[in-house]
Structures are given as C-alpha cells and as structure tokens.
N, C-alpha and C. Protein backbone atom coordinates (compact mmCIF):
# COMPACT_ATOMS: atom_id res chain seq x y z
N MET A 1 156.08 -61.73 74.47
CA MET A 1 155.67 -62.63 73.39
C MET A 1 154.56 -63.55 73.91
N ALA A 2 153.49 -63.67 73.10
CA ALA A 2 152.38 -64.53 73.50
C ALA A 2 152.79 -65.99 73.44
N SER A 3 152.28 -66.77 74.38
CA SER A 3 152.57 -68.19 74.38
C SER A 3 151.77 -68.88 73.28
N ASN A 4 152.26 -70.03 72.85
CA ASN A 4 151.58 -70.81 71.82
C ASN A 4 150.37 -71.51 72.44
N PRO A 5 149.15 -71.21 71.96
CA PRO A 5 147.97 -71.81 72.59
C PRO A 5 147.78 -73.27 72.20
N GLY A 6 148.60 -73.78 71.28
CA GLY A 6 148.38 -75.14 70.81
C GLY A 6 147.23 -75.17 69.80
N GLU A 7 146.75 -76.35 69.53
CA GLU A 7 145.67 -76.50 68.56
C GLU A 7 144.33 -76.17 69.21
N LEU A 8 143.60 -75.26 68.60
CA LEU A 8 142.28 -74.88 69.10
C LEU A 8 141.23 -75.45 68.15
N ARG A 9 140.27 -76.15 68.73
CA ARG A 9 139.23 -76.78 67.91
C ARG A 9 137.86 -76.38 68.43
N SER A 10 136.94 -76.12 67.52
CA SER A 10 135.55 -75.89 67.88
C SER A 10 134.82 -77.22 67.71
N VAL A 11 134.29 -77.76 68.81
CA VAL A 11 133.66 -79.08 68.74
C VAL A 11 132.17 -78.97 69.05
N PHE A 12 131.41 -79.82 68.41
CA PHE A 12 129.97 -79.93 68.63
C PHE A 12 129.23 -78.58 68.49
N PRO A 13 129.46 -77.87 67.40
CA PRO A 13 128.72 -76.61 67.23
C PRO A 13 127.25 -76.89 66.96
N THR A 14 126.40 -75.94 67.30
CA THR A 14 124.97 -76.02 67.04
C THR A 14 124.62 -74.94 66.01
N ILE A 15 124.17 -75.35 64.86
CA ILE A 15 123.91 -74.44 63.75
C ILE A 15 122.43 -74.11 63.68
N ILE A 16 122.13 -72.83 63.54
CA ILE A 16 120.77 -72.38 63.30
C ILE A 16 120.78 -71.50 62.05
N MET A 17 119.93 -71.82 61.10
CA MET A 17 119.80 -71.00 59.89
C MET A 17 118.71 -69.95 60.12
N GLN A 18 119.02 -68.72 59.75
CA GLN A 18 118.03 -67.64 59.74
C GLN A 18 118.04 -67.05 58.34
N ARG A 19 116.92 -67.17 57.63
CA ARG A 19 116.88 -66.79 56.22
C ARG A 19 115.60 -66.00 55.92
N ARG A 20 115.77 -64.86 55.27
CA ARG A 20 114.62 -64.09 54.80
C ARG A 20 114.15 -64.66 53.46
N LEU A 21 112.86 -64.93 53.38
CA LEU A 21 112.28 -65.47 52.15
C LEU A 21 111.57 -64.33 51.42
N GLU A 22 112.34 -63.58 50.67
CA GLU A 22 111.81 -62.38 50.03
C GLU A 22 110.69 -62.70 49.04
N ASN A 23 110.77 -63.86 48.39
CA ASN A 23 109.73 -64.21 47.42
C ASN A 23 108.43 -64.67 48.08
N ILE A 24 108.48 -64.98 49.37
CA ILE A 24 107.28 -65.43 50.08
C ILE A 24 106.56 -64.27 50.76
N ILE A 25 107.28 -63.23 51.11
CA ILE A 25 106.69 -62.11 51.85
C ILE A 25 105.43 -61.57 51.16
N PRO A 26 105.41 -61.40 49.83
CA PRO A 26 104.17 -60.92 49.20
C PRO A 26 103.00 -61.89 49.33
N LEU A 27 103.26 -63.14 49.70
CA LEU A 27 102.21 -64.14 49.84
C LEU A 27 101.67 -64.23 51.27
N ASN A 28 102.28 -63.51 52.19
CA ASN A 28 101.92 -63.68 53.60
C ASN A 28 100.46 -63.35 53.90
N ASP A 29 99.94 -62.30 53.30
CA ASP A 29 98.54 -61.94 53.57
C ASP A 29 97.61 -63.06 53.11
N ARG A 30 97.89 -63.62 51.95
CA ARG A 30 97.05 -64.72 51.46
C ARG A 30 97.22 -65.95 52.34
N LEU A 31 98.43 -66.27 52.76
CA LEU A 31 98.66 -67.40 53.66
C LEU A 31 97.90 -67.20 54.97
N ARG A 32 97.92 -65.99 55.48
CA ARG A 32 97.19 -65.71 56.72
C ARG A 32 95.70 -65.97 56.54
N ASP A 33 95.13 -65.53 55.43
CA ASP A 33 93.71 -65.73 55.18
C ASP A 33 93.37 -67.22 55.06
N ILE A 34 94.23 -67.96 54.37
CA ILE A 34 94.02 -69.41 54.21
C ILE A 34 94.00 -70.09 55.57
N ILE A 35 94.96 -69.71 56.41
CA ILE A 35 95.09 -70.35 57.73
C ILE A 35 93.90 -70.01 58.62
N LEU A 36 93.47 -68.76 58.62
CA LEU A 36 92.34 -68.37 59.47
C LEU A 36 91.06 -69.07 59.03
N GLU A 37 90.90 -69.29 57.74
CA GLU A 37 89.73 -70.03 57.26
C GLU A 37 89.81 -71.49 57.68
N ARG A 38 91.00 -72.08 57.59
CA ARG A 38 91.18 -73.48 57.98
C ARG A 38 90.93 -73.66 59.48
N GLU A 39 91.33 -72.67 60.27
CA GLU A 39 91.11 -72.75 61.72
C GLU A 39 89.63 -72.90 62.04
N LYS A 40 88.76 -72.25 61.26
CA LYS A 40 87.33 -72.32 61.50
C LYS A 40 86.77 -73.71 61.21
N LEU A 41 87.44 -74.47 60.35
CA LEU A 41 86.89 -75.73 59.88
C LEU A 41 87.48 -76.96 60.55
N VAL A 42 88.72 -76.85 61.03
CA VAL A 42 89.46 -78.03 61.50
C VAL A 42 89.81 -77.86 62.98
N PRO A 43 89.42 -78.81 63.83
CA PRO A 43 89.81 -78.72 65.25
C PRO A 43 91.33 -78.77 65.40
N GLY A 44 91.83 -78.01 66.35
CA GLY A 44 93.26 -78.02 66.61
C GLY A 44 93.67 -79.22 67.47
N VAL A 45 94.97 -79.42 67.59
CA VAL A 45 95.51 -80.49 68.41
C VAL A 45 96.37 -79.86 69.50
N GLY A 46 96.54 -80.57 70.59
CA GLY A 46 97.36 -80.10 71.69
C GLY A 46 98.70 -80.81 71.69
N VAL A 47 99.77 -80.06 71.53
CA VAL A 47 101.12 -80.64 71.55
C VAL A 47 101.93 -79.83 72.57
N SER A 48 102.78 -78.91 72.10
CA SER A 48 103.49 -78.04 73.04
C SER A 48 102.74 -76.74 73.27
N ASN A 49 101.70 -76.52 72.49
CA ASN A 49 100.99 -75.24 72.55
C ASN A 49 100.08 -75.16 73.77
N VAL A 50 100.05 -73.97 74.35
CA VAL A 50 99.10 -73.65 75.42
C VAL A 50 98.27 -72.49 74.91
N GLY A 51 97.02 -72.78 74.57
CA GLY A 51 96.20 -71.80 73.90
C GLY A 51 96.48 -71.79 72.41
N GLY A 52 95.76 -70.95 71.71
CA GLY A 52 95.97 -70.84 70.28
C GLY A 52 95.42 -72.04 69.52
N TRP A 53 95.90 -72.21 68.30
CA TRP A 53 95.46 -73.28 67.42
C TRP A 53 96.68 -73.94 66.79
N HIS A 54 96.81 -75.24 66.98
CA HIS A 54 97.87 -76.06 66.40
C HIS A 54 97.19 -76.98 65.40
N SER A 55 97.48 -76.82 64.12
CA SER A 55 96.82 -77.63 63.10
C SER A 55 97.36 -79.04 63.08
N PRO A 56 96.65 -79.98 62.46
CA PRO A 56 97.26 -81.28 62.15
C PRO A 56 98.49 -81.07 61.25
N GLY A 57 99.31 -82.11 61.12
CA GLY A 57 100.58 -81.98 60.41
C GLY A 57 100.48 -82.15 58.90
N ASP A 58 99.43 -81.61 58.30
CA ASP A 58 99.22 -81.80 56.86
C ASP A 58 99.32 -80.51 56.07
N PHE A 59 99.90 -79.48 56.64
CA PHE A 59 99.97 -78.19 55.94
C PHE A 59 100.61 -78.33 54.56
N HIS A 60 101.65 -79.16 54.45
CA HIS A 60 102.36 -79.30 53.17
C HIS A 60 101.50 -79.95 52.09
N GLN A 61 100.32 -80.47 52.47
CA GLN A 61 99.42 -81.09 51.51
C GLN A 61 98.22 -80.20 51.17
N TRP A 62 98.15 -79.02 51.75
CA TRP A 62 97.05 -78.12 51.43
C TRP A 62 97.14 -77.69 49.98
N GLU A 63 96.01 -77.72 49.27
CA GLU A 63 96.02 -77.48 47.83
C GLU A 63 95.85 -75.99 47.50
N PHE A 64 96.89 -75.24 47.80
CA PHE A 64 96.93 -73.82 47.46
C PHE A 64 98.30 -73.52 46.86
N PRO A 65 98.36 -72.73 45.79
CA PRO A 65 99.68 -72.44 45.18
C PRO A 65 100.63 -71.74 46.14
N GLU A 66 100.09 -70.89 47.02
CA GLU A 66 100.95 -70.19 47.97
C GLU A 66 101.60 -71.17 48.95
N VAL A 67 100.87 -72.19 49.34
CA VAL A 67 101.41 -73.21 50.24
C VAL A 67 102.50 -74.00 49.53
N ARG A 68 102.25 -74.40 48.30
CA ARG A 68 103.25 -75.17 47.55
C ARG A 68 104.54 -74.38 47.36
N THR A 69 104.40 -73.08 47.11
CA THR A 69 105.59 -72.23 46.94
C THR A 69 106.38 -72.15 48.23
N LEU A 70 105.69 -72.02 49.36
CA LEU A 70 106.38 -71.96 50.65
C LEU A 70 107.06 -73.28 50.97
N VAL A 71 106.39 -74.39 50.73
CA VAL A 71 106.97 -75.70 51.03
C VAL A 71 108.25 -75.92 50.23
N LYS A 72 108.29 -75.44 49.00
CA LYS A 72 109.52 -75.55 48.20
C LYS A 72 110.68 -74.85 48.88
N GLU A 73 110.40 -73.71 49.51
CA GLU A 73 111.46 -73.00 50.24
C GLU A 73 111.93 -73.78 51.46
N PHE A 74 111.01 -74.49 52.12
CA PHE A 74 111.42 -75.35 53.23
C PHE A 74 112.41 -76.40 52.73
N ILE A 75 112.11 -77.00 51.59
CA ILE A 75 112.96 -78.05 51.04
C ILE A 75 114.33 -77.50 50.65
N ILE A 76 114.34 -76.32 50.02
CA ILE A 76 115.61 -75.70 49.65
C ILE A 76 116.43 -75.42 50.91
N GLY A 77 115.78 -74.87 51.95
CA GLY A 77 116.50 -74.58 53.19
C GLY A 77 117.03 -75.82 53.85
N GLY A 78 116.22 -76.90 53.90
CA GLY A 78 116.70 -78.15 54.50
C GLY A 78 117.85 -78.75 53.74
N THR A 79 117.82 -78.64 52.41
CA THR A 79 118.92 -79.14 51.59
C THR A 79 120.19 -78.35 51.83
N ASP A 80 120.07 -77.02 51.87
CA ASP A 80 121.24 -76.17 52.13
C ASP A 80 121.81 -76.43 53.52
N MET A 81 120.94 -76.61 54.50
CA MET A 81 121.39 -76.88 55.87
C MET A 81 122.17 -78.19 55.90
N THR A 82 121.67 -79.20 55.21
CA THR A 82 122.35 -80.50 55.17
C THR A 82 123.70 -80.37 54.49
N ARG A 83 123.72 -79.71 53.35
CA ARG A 83 124.98 -79.59 52.60
C ARG A 83 126.04 -78.86 53.41
N SER A 84 125.64 -77.83 54.15
CA SER A 84 126.61 -77.08 54.95
C SER A 84 127.17 -77.89 56.11
N SER A 85 126.48 -78.96 56.49
CA SER A 85 126.89 -79.76 57.64
C SER A 85 127.69 -80.99 57.26
N LEU A 86 127.79 -81.30 55.96
CA LEU A 86 128.50 -82.49 55.52
C LEU A 86 130.00 -82.26 55.50
N PRO A 87 130.80 -83.28 55.81
CA PRO A 87 132.24 -83.17 55.63
C PRO A 87 132.57 -82.88 54.16
N PRO A 88 133.67 -82.20 53.90
CA PRO A 88 133.98 -81.80 52.52
C PRO A 88 134.21 -82.98 51.58
N ASP A 89 134.53 -84.14 52.11
CA ASP A 89 134.80 -85.28 51.24
C ASP A 89 133.55 -86.11 50.95
N ILE A 90 132.40 -85.68 51.44
CA ILE A 90 131.14 -86.38 51.19
C ILE A 90 130.43 -85.71 50.01
N ASP A 91 130.18 -86.48 48.98
CA ASP A 91 129.52 -85.95 47.80
C ASP A 91 128.40 -86.91 47.42
N GLY A 92 127.17 -86.47 47.55
CA GLY A 92 126.07 -87.36 47.24
C GLY A 92 124.78 -86.59 47.04
N GLU A 93 123.75 -87.31 46.72
CA GLU A 93 122.43 -86.72 46.52
C GLU A 93 121.72 -86.61 47.86
N ILE A 94 121.27 -85.41 48.17
CA ILE A 94 120.56 -85.15 49.42
C ILE A 94 119.07 -85.38 49.20
N ARG A 95 118.51 -86.26 49.99
CA ARG A 95 117.07 -86.54 49.90
C ARG A 95 116.43 -86.23 51.24
N LEU A 96 115.33 -85.50 51.18
CA LEU A 96 114.60 -85.12 52.38
C LEU A 96 113.23 -85.76 52.35
N ARG A 97 112.70 -86.04 53.54
CA ARG A 97 111.30 -86.40 53.64
C ARG A 97 110.76 -85.79 54.91
N PHE A 98 109.49 -85.44 54.88
CA PHE A 98 108.89 -84.84 56.05
C PHE A 98 108.74 -85.89 57.16
N HIS A 99 109.10 -85.47 58.36
CA HIS A 99 108.98 -86.32 59.54
C HIS A 99 107.93 -85.68 60.45
N GLY A 100 106.71 -86.17 60.35
CA GLY A 100 105.64 -85.53 61.10
C GLY A 100 105.00 -84.37 60.37
N GLY A 101 105.46 -84.10 59.16
CA GLY A 101 104.82 -83.12 58.30
C GLY A 101 105.11 -81.68 58.65
N CYS A 102 104.15 -80.81 58.28
CA CYS A 102 104.19 -79.38 58.57
C CYS A 102 102.90 -79.01 59.29
N TRP A 103 102.96 -78.01 60.11
CA TRP A 103 101.75 -77.62 60.84
C TRP A 103 101.79 -76.13 61.16
N VAL A 104 100.60 -75.61 61.42
CA VAL A 104 100.43 -74.20 61.77
C VAL A 104 100.44 -74.04 63.28
N ASN A 105 101.14 -73.04 63.76
CA ASN A 105 101.11 -72.63 65.16
C ASN A 105 100.53 -71.23 65.21
N LEU A 106 99.32 -71.09 65.71
CA LEU A 106 98.65 -69.80 65.75
C LEU A 106 98.42 -69.42 67.21
N LEU A 107 98.96 -68.28 67.60
CA LEU A 107 98.83 -67.81 68.98
C LEU A 107 98.11 -66.47 69.02
N ARG A 108 97.19 -66.36 69.98
CA ARG A 108 96.59 -65.08 70.31
C ARG A 108 97.05 -64.68 71.70
N ASP A 109 96.52 -63.58 72.19
CA ASP A 109 96.96 -63.02 73.47
C ASP A 109 97.00 -64.08 74.56
N GLY A 110 98.16 -64.26 75.17
CA GLY A 110 98.34 -65.21 76.26
C GLY A 110 98.83 -66.58 75.84
N GLY A 111 98.82 -66.90 74.54
CA GLY A 111 99.26 -68.22 74.08
C GLY A 111 100.78 -68.35 74.04
N TYR A 112 101.26 -69.58 74.22
CA TYR A 112 102.70 -69.83 74.18
C TYR A 112 102.96 -71.30 73.89
N ASN A 113 104.22 -71.66 73.75
CA ASN A 113 104.65 -73.05 73.57
C ASN A 113 105.65 -73.42 74.64
N THR A 114 105.41 -74.57 75.29
CA THR A 114 106.30 -75.03 76.35
C THR A 114 107.60 -75.58 75.78
N VAL A 115 108.57 -75.83 76.65
CA VAL A 115 109.86 -76.36 76.22
C VAL A 115 109.66 -77.74 75.58
N HIS A 116 110.25 -77.92 74.41
CA HIS A 116 110.13 -79.19 73.71
C HIS A 116 111.21 -79.29 72.65
N ASN A 117 111.33 -80.47 72.06
CA ASN A 117 112.16 -80.65 70.88
C ASN A 117 111.38 -81.52 69.90
N HIS A 118 112.01 -81.87 68.79
CA HIS A 118 111.34 -82.66 67.76
C HIS A 118 112.12 -83.96 67.56
N ALA A 119 112.00 -84.83 68.54
CA ALA A 119 112.77 -86.07 68.56
C ALA A 119 112.53 -86.87 67.28
N GLY A 120 113.60 -87.41 66.73
CA GLY A 120 113.51 -88.24 65.54
C GLY A 120 113.72 -87.49 64.25
N ALA A 121 113.63 -86.17 64.27
CA ALA A 121 113.86 -85.36 63.07
C ALA A 121 115.31 -84.91 63.03
N VAL A 122 115.86 -84.86 61.83
CA VAL A 122 117.20 -84.31 61.66
C VAL A 122 117.15 -82.78 61.77
N TRP A 123 116.26 -82.18 60.97
CA TRP A 123 116.09 -80.73 61.01
C TRP A 123 114.65 -80.38 61.37
N SER A 124 114.50 -79.30 62.09
CA SER A 124 113.20 -78.70 62.33
C SER A 124 113.28 -77.24 61.93
N GLY A 125 112.13 -76.65 61.70
CA GLY A 125 112.16 -75.25 61.29
C GLY A 125 110.81 -74.59 61.45
N CYS A 126 110.79 -73.29 61.22
CA CYS A 126 109.55 -72.55 61.25
C CYS A 126 109.67 -71.32 60.36
N TYR A 127 108.54 -70.90 59.85
CA TYR A 127 108.45 -69.69 59.03
C TYR A 127 107.38 -68.80 59.63
N TYR A 128 107.67 -67.49 59.72
CA TYR A 128 106.74 -66.56 60.34
C TYR A 128 105.91 -65.85 59.28
N VAL A 129 104.61 -66.13 59.33
CA VAL A 129 103.67 -65.49 58.41
C VAL A 129 103.31 -64.09 58.91
N CYS A 130 103.01 -63.97 60.19
CA CYS A 130 102.71 -62.68 60.80
C CYS A 130 102.99 -62.77 62.29
N THR A 131 103.19 -61.64 62.92
CA THR A 131 103.59 -61.63 64.33
C THR A 131 102.60 -60.88 65.21
N GLY A 132 101.44 -60.51 64.67
CA GLY A 132 100.47 -59.80 65.47
C GLY A 132 100.94 -58.38 65.81
N ASP A 133 100.31 -57.81 66.81
CA ASP A 133 100.64 -56.45 67.26
C ASP A 133 101.03 -56.54 68.73
N PRO A 134 102.31 -56.82 69.02
CA PRO A 134 102.73 -57.02 70.41
C PRO A 134 102.47 -55.79 71.28
N ASP A 135 102.08 -56.06 72.50
CA ASP A 135 101.84 -55.01 73.48
C ASP A 135 103.19 -54.43 73.92
N PRO A 136 103.42 -53.12 73.68
CA PRO A 136 104.72 -52.55 74.07
C PRO A 136 104.96 -52.56 75.58
N GLY A 137 103.90 -52.72 76.36
CA GLY A 137 104.06 -52.75 77.81
C GLY A 137 104.25 -54.15 78.37
N ALA A 138 104.32 -55.17 77.49
CA ALA A 138 104.48 -56.56 77.94
C ALA A 138 105.91 -56.80 78.40
N PRO A 139 106.15 -57.92 79.11
CA PRO A 139 107.51 -58.26 79.52
C PRO A 139 108.44 -58.40 78.32
N PRO A 140 109.75 -58.32 78.55
CA PRO A 140 110.71 -58.48 77.45
C PRO A 140 110.54 -59.83 76.74
N TYR A 141 110.92 -59.85 75.47
CA TYR A 141 110.90 -61.05 74.64
C TYR A 141 109.49 -61.60 74.45
N ASN A 142 108.55 -60.69 74.37
CA ASN A 142 107.15 -61.01 74.15
C ASN A 142 106.97 -61.79 72.84
N GLY A 143 106.58 -63.06 72.94
CA GLY A 143 106.35 -63.88 71.76
C GLY A 143 107.60 -64.35 71.05
N TRP A 144 108.78 -64.13 71.62
CA TRP A 144 110.03 -64.57 70.99
C TRP A 144 110.21 -66.08 71.16
N ILE A 145 110.95 -66.69 70.25
CA ILE A 145 111.36 -68.07 70.38
C ILE A 145 112.75 -68.10 71.03
N GLU A 146 112.94 -69.04 71.95
CA GLU A 146 114.22 -69.16 72.65
C GLU A 146 114.72 -70.60 72.55
N PHE A 147 116.02 -70.74 72.32
CA PHE A 147 116.69 -72.03 72.24
C PHE A 147 117.61 -72.19 73.44
N GLN A 148 117.53 -73.35 74.09
CA GLN A 148 118.36 -73.61 75.26
C GLN A 148 119.72 -74.16 74.86
N ASP A 149 120.71 -73.78 75.64
CA ASP A 149 122.04 -74.36 75.46
C ASP A 149 121.93 -75.88 75.56
N PRO A 150 122.39 -76.63 74.55
CA PRO A 150 122.20 -78.09 74.57
C PRO A 150 123.08 -78.83 75.56
N ARG A 151 124.08 -78.16 76.13
CA ARG A 151 124.93 -78.83 77.11
C ARG A 151 124.21 -78.84 78.46
N ALA A 152 124.00 -80.04 78.97
CA ALA A 152 123.12 -80.20 80.14
C ALA A 152 123.53 -79.33 81.31
N ALA A 153 124.81 -79.22 81.58
CA ALA A 153 125.27 -78.46 82.74
C ALA A 153 125.03 -76.96 82.57
N ASN A 154 124.80 -76.53 81.32
CA ASN A 154 124.63 -75.10 81.05
C ASN A 154 123.20 -74.74 80.67
N ILE A 155 122.27 -75.65 80.92
CA ILE A 155 120.94 -75.48 80.34
C ILE A 155 120.24 -74.21 80.82
N HIS A 156 120.62 -73.70 81.99
CA HIS A 156 120.00 -72.47 82.49
C HIS A 156 120.94 -71.27 82.38
N SER A 157 122.12 -71.46 81.79
CA SER A 157 123.08 -70.37 81.78
C SER A 157 122.97 -69.49 80.54
N HIS A 158 122.47 -70.04 79.45
CA HIS A 158 122.41 -69.24 78.24
C HIS A 158 121.25 -69.72 77.37
N LYS A 159 120.55 -68.77 76.78
CA LYS A 159 119.50 -69.07 75.82
C LYS A 159 119.69 -68.14 74.62
N GLU A 160 119.53 -68.70 73.45
CA GLU A 160 119.62 -67.91 72.22
C GLU A 160 118.20 -67.49 71.84
N LYS A 161 118.00 -66.18 71.69
CA LYS A 161 116.67 -65.63 71.47
C LYS A 161 116.55 -65.08 70.05
N PHE A 162 115.41 -65.31 69.44
CA PHE A 162 115.12 -64.77 68.12
C PHE A 162 113.79 -64.04 68.16
N GLN A 163 113.79 -62.81 67.68
CA GLN A 163 112.54 -62.06 67.58
C GLN A 163 111.84 -62.44 66.28
N PRO A 164 110.62 -62.96 66.34
CA PRO A 164 109.93 -63.34 65.12
C PRO A 164 109.73 -62.14 64.20
N GLN A 165 109.97 -62.36 62.92
CA GLN A 165 109.72 -61.34 61.91
C GLN A 165 109.03 -62.00 60.73
N ALA A 166 107.93 -61.41 60.29
CA ALA A 166 107.23 -61.97 59.14
C ALA A 166 108.18 -62.06 57.95
N GLY A 167 108.21 -63.24 57.32
CA GLY A 167 109.09 -63.45 56.17
C GLY A 167 110.39 -64.14 56.50
N THR A 168 110.62 -64.46 57.78
CA THR A 168 111.86 -65.11 58.20
C THR A 168 111.63 -66.59 58.47
N MET A 169 112.58 -67.41 58.01
CA MET A 169 112.57 -68.84 58.28
C MET A 169 113.76 -69.20 59.16
N LEU A 170 113.52 -70.05 60.15
CA LEU A 170 114.58 -70.62 60.97
C LEU A 170 114.62 -72.13 60.74
N ILE A 171 115.84 -72.69 60.69
CA ILE A 171 116.02 -74.14 60.65
C ILE A 171 117.09 -74.50 61.66
N PHE A 172 116.85 -75.58 62.42
CA PHE A 172 117.74 -75.94 63.52
C PHE A 172 117.67 -77.44 63.73
N PRO A 173 118.64 -78.03 64.47
CA PRO A 173 118.58 -79.47 64.74
C PRO A 173 117.32 -79.86 65.49
N GLY A 174 116.72 -80.98 65.12
CA GLY A 174 115.48 -81.40 65.73
C GLY A 174 115.59 -81.66 67.23
N TRP A 175 116.79 -82.00 67.70
CA TRP A 175 116.95 -82.34 69.12
C TRP A 175 117.09 -81.11 70.01
N LEU A 176 117.17 -79.91 69.43
CA LEU A 176 117.47 -78.71 70.20
C LEU A 176 116.22 -78.22 70.94
N ASN A 177 116.31 -78.16 72.26
CA ASN A 177 115.18 -77.70 73.07
C ASN A 177 114.87 -76.23 72.78
N HIS A 178 113.59 -75.92 72.68
CA HIS A 178 113.17 -74.55 72.41
C HIS A 178 111.75 -74.34 72.95
N TYR A 179 111.36 -73.09 73.02
CA TYR A 179 110.02 -72.75 73.49
C TYR A 179 109.67 -71.35 72.98
N VAL A 180 108.40 -71.00 73.09
CA VAL A 180 107.94 -69.67 72.68
C VAL A 180 107.38 -68.95 73.90
N ASN A 181 107.89 -67.77 74.18
CA ASN A 181 107.39 -66.97 75.29
C ASN A 181 105.94 -66.55 75.03
N PRO A 182 105.16 -66.35 76.10
CA PRO A 182 103.77 -65.92 75.91
C PRO A 182 103.67 -64.68 75.02
N PHE A 183 102.74 -64.74 74.09
CA PHE A 183 102.47 -63.60 73.23
C PHE A 183 101.44 -62.71 73.91
N ARG A 184 101.78 -61.46 74.08
CA ARG A 184 100.86 -60.49 74.66
C ARG A 184 100.64 -59.38 73.64
N GLY A 185 99.39 -59.26 73.20
CA GLY A 185 99.09 -58.22 72.23
C GLY A 185 97.81 -58.52 71.48
N LYS A 186 97.58 -57.76 70.43
CA LYS A 186 96.40 -57.92 69.60
C LYS A 186 96.74 -58.72 68.34
N GLY A 187 95.69 -59.20 67.69
CA GLY A 187 95.90 -59.92 66.44
C GLY A 187 96.40 -61.33 66.67
N VAL A 188 97.04 -61.89 65.64
CA VAL A 188 97.49 -63.28 65.69
C VAL A 188 98.97 -63.37 65.32
N ARG A 189 99.63 -64.28 65.98
CA ARG A 189 101.03 -64.62 65.68
C ARG A 189 100.98 -65.99 65.00
N ILE A 190 101.37 -66.07 63.72
CA ILE A 190 101.25 -67.31 62.96
C ILE A 190 102.61 -67.74 62.45
N SER A 191 102.97 -68.97 62.77
CA SER A 191 104.18 -69.57 62.21
C SER A 191 103.82 -70.93 61.63
N ILE A 192 104.61 -71.36 60.65
CA ILE A 192 104.48 -72.69 60.05
C ILE A 192 105.71 -73.48 60.44
N ALA A 193 105.51 -74.61 61.12
CA ALA A 193 106.63 -75.44 61.57
C ALA A 193 106.72 -76.70 60.71
N PHE A 194 107.93 -77.28 60.66
CA PHE A 194 108.14 -78.48 59.85
C PHE A 194 109.32 -79.26 60.39
N ASN A 195 109.35 -80.55 60.03
CA ASN A 195 110.45 -81.45 60.37
C ASN A 195 110.91 -82.19 59.12
N PHE A 196 112.21 -82.48 59.05
CA PHE A 196 112.76 -83.27 57.96
C PHE A 196 113.61 -84.42 58.48
N ASP A 197 113.48 -85.58 57.86
CA ASP A 197 114.51 -86.60 57.88
C ASP A 197 115.41 -86.39 56.67
N VAL A 198 116.63 -86.88 56.75
CA VAL A 198 117.59 -86.66 55.68
C VAL A 198 118.29 -87.96 55.33
N GLU A 199 118.49 -88.17 54.04
CA GLU A 199 119.30 -89.28 53.55
C GLU A 199 120.28 -88.72 52.53
N VAL A 200 121.55 -89.06 52.68
CA VAL A 200 122.57 -88.66 51.71
C VAL A 200 123.04 -89.91 51.00
N VAL A 201 122.77 -89.99 49.71
CA VAL A 201 123.07 -91.18 48.91
C VAL A 201 124.30 -90.89 48.06
N PRO A 202 125.40 -91.69 48.20
CA PRO A 202 126.57 -91.49 47.34
C PRO A 202 126.18 -91.49 45.87
N LYS A 203 126.86 -90.70 45.09
CA LYS A 203 126.45 -90.49 43.70
C LYS A 203 126.38 -91.78 42.91
N HIS A 204 127.33 -92.70 43.13
CA HIS A 204 127.33 -93.92 42.33
C HIS A 204 126.13 -94.80 42.67
N LEU A 205 125.66 -94.72 43.95
CA LEU A 205 124.49 -95.50 44.32
C LEU A 205 123.21 -94.82 43.84
N ALA A 206 123.20 -93.48 43.90
CA ALA A 206 122.01 -92.76 43.46
C ALA A 206 121.75 -92.99 41.98
N ALA A 207 122.83 -93.03 41.19
CA ALA A 207 122.67 -93.24 39.75
C ALA A 207 122.23 -94.66 39.44
N ARG A 208 122.69 -95.62 40.25
CA ARG A 208 122.38 -97.02 39.99
C ARG A 208 120.99 -97.40 40.45
N ASN A 209 120.55 -96.79 41.55
CA ASN A 209 119.29 -97.22 42.15
C ASN A 209 118.52 -96.02 42.66
N ALA A 210 117.86 -95.30 41.76
CA ALA A 210 117.06 -94.14 42.15
C ALA A 210 115.81 -94.64 42.88
N HIS A 211 115.71 -94.30 44.17
CA HIS A 211 114.57 -94.75 44.97
C HIS A 211 114.23 -93.70 45.99
N THR A 212 113.03 -93.77 46.54
CA THR A 212 112.63 -92.86 47.60
C THR A 212 113.14 -93.37 48.93
N PRO A 213 113.36 -92.47 49.89
CA PRO A 213 113.85 -92.90 51.20
C PRO A 213 112.88 -93.88 51.85
N ARG A 214 113.42 -94.77 52.62
CA ARG A 214 112.62 -95.75 53.33
C ARG A 214 111.61 -95.05 54.23
N GLY A 215 110.35 -95.47 54.09
CA GLY A 215 109.32 -95.00 54.99
C GLY A 215 108.66 -93.69 54.58
N GLY A 216 108.99 -93.14 53.43
CA GLY A 216 108.35 -91.90 53.06
C GLY A 216 108.64 -91.51 51.63
N GLN A 217 108.04 -90.44 51.18
CA GLN A 217 108.21 -89.96 49.82
C GLN A 217 109.32 -88.92 49.79
N ALA A 218 110.18 -89.04 48.81
CA ALA A 218 111.28 -88.09 48.69
C ALA A 218 110.73 -86.74 48.26
N VAL A 219 111.34 -85.67 48.77
CA VAL A 219 111.03 -84.33 48.33
C VAL A 219 112.34 -83.65 48.00
N ARG A 220 112.35 -82.92 46.91
CA ARG A 220 113.62 -82.31 46.48
C ARG A 220 113.37 -80.88 46.02
C-alpha cells in the first residue's frame, strides 16, 4: 500500500502563453513590408539586441490597419493572461496600459538578443511575423527564444525553449529572464515585442468611477 504523501502544493508557477493568431497570419506579409519600409526611415536603438534593427517603442501607434488589428490581439492576450492568474474570488474590470510600448525586433544573419527582462512590466510578449530561412547547418536552437529558470539556484540547470513560428504570440511575466540565440540564415527574423501594466478594478469601484489607469491611457 502506498504511503500518504500528505498535501501536495504547486507554488510559484511561471505561466507562459503560447497562442496562434490565425486571423493575423494573412496579414504577416503586409506587416513585414511595413516594417522593412520603416527600417529604412527610422534609426534603430540599442537595447538587448546585438545587430539587427530595434525600433523605438511606438509600434502600437503606427497608422496602419494591420498594426491596429495586431495590437488588439495583444490586448486580448494580456487580458486573458491576467484573468487566468487572478484568484477565483476576485471579480473586477481588467485594465491594461502599455509599459514602454511595442517595438520591432528585426534580426539578420548573426543577430541575437542578450539575456534580459522587462523590469516594471506585469506582462511581456512577442509576436512572430516571419522567421527568415534558418541555415540547416547552424547550431541547435538557431534563432530560438529561451527562458531561464527563475529560481536563482537553478538558473543554469534548465531553460525553456520555444521555436519561433510565424503567427505565434508568446506572453510571459515581465521579470522572467530570456534571450534569443543567434540567428543564422538568410532573410529576416521579425518579431513584435510589447509590455503591459495591469490594473484590476473591483466592479463596484469601476462602475462608480470610470477612469484611466494612473500614468497612462487605458486599452481594452
């Protein structure tokens, strides 16, 4: 007879959303063209990227219908991620605002992103517009994104790896360390990254005092 294991609890889980955006996939070619044209006009910035082009954080303000449609999916995903993380007895209006905005990460052969996180954001995420043509002879996990185990003592023992696929969105806690392995191949690897702050307003307060979150414009 098996012994009684007692109460087993899963504590401090780390949630990552992986979602296919089927309605955005037909827009990817147009998004790619928009981004490549913008790259010609706007100087990039240096953050975690080594090589490639990192746009300013204003992607969500670009005046293109395809961009607006994609940004709506970011908001839906951030709302769903928040709702799934709330205790069952919490019922309120979820309000999101961009924390540092949205930006393009464009990598060509040899480009990568160093280990970093998005301090101050509740959720961070990215959407893959295209993944280029990876060199089949390159090292394993060519251009993949990797997340480090958040427990300090285990930081080198396990990494969660995701192979980029055009049409896929990832959302994860902003504090979670991650990086992108060097991309080796032809063409361009393009992702759109974003950060959200979150406010959950109890229903009785939301009805009494409809307001935007402190320090930014509400997005829903």
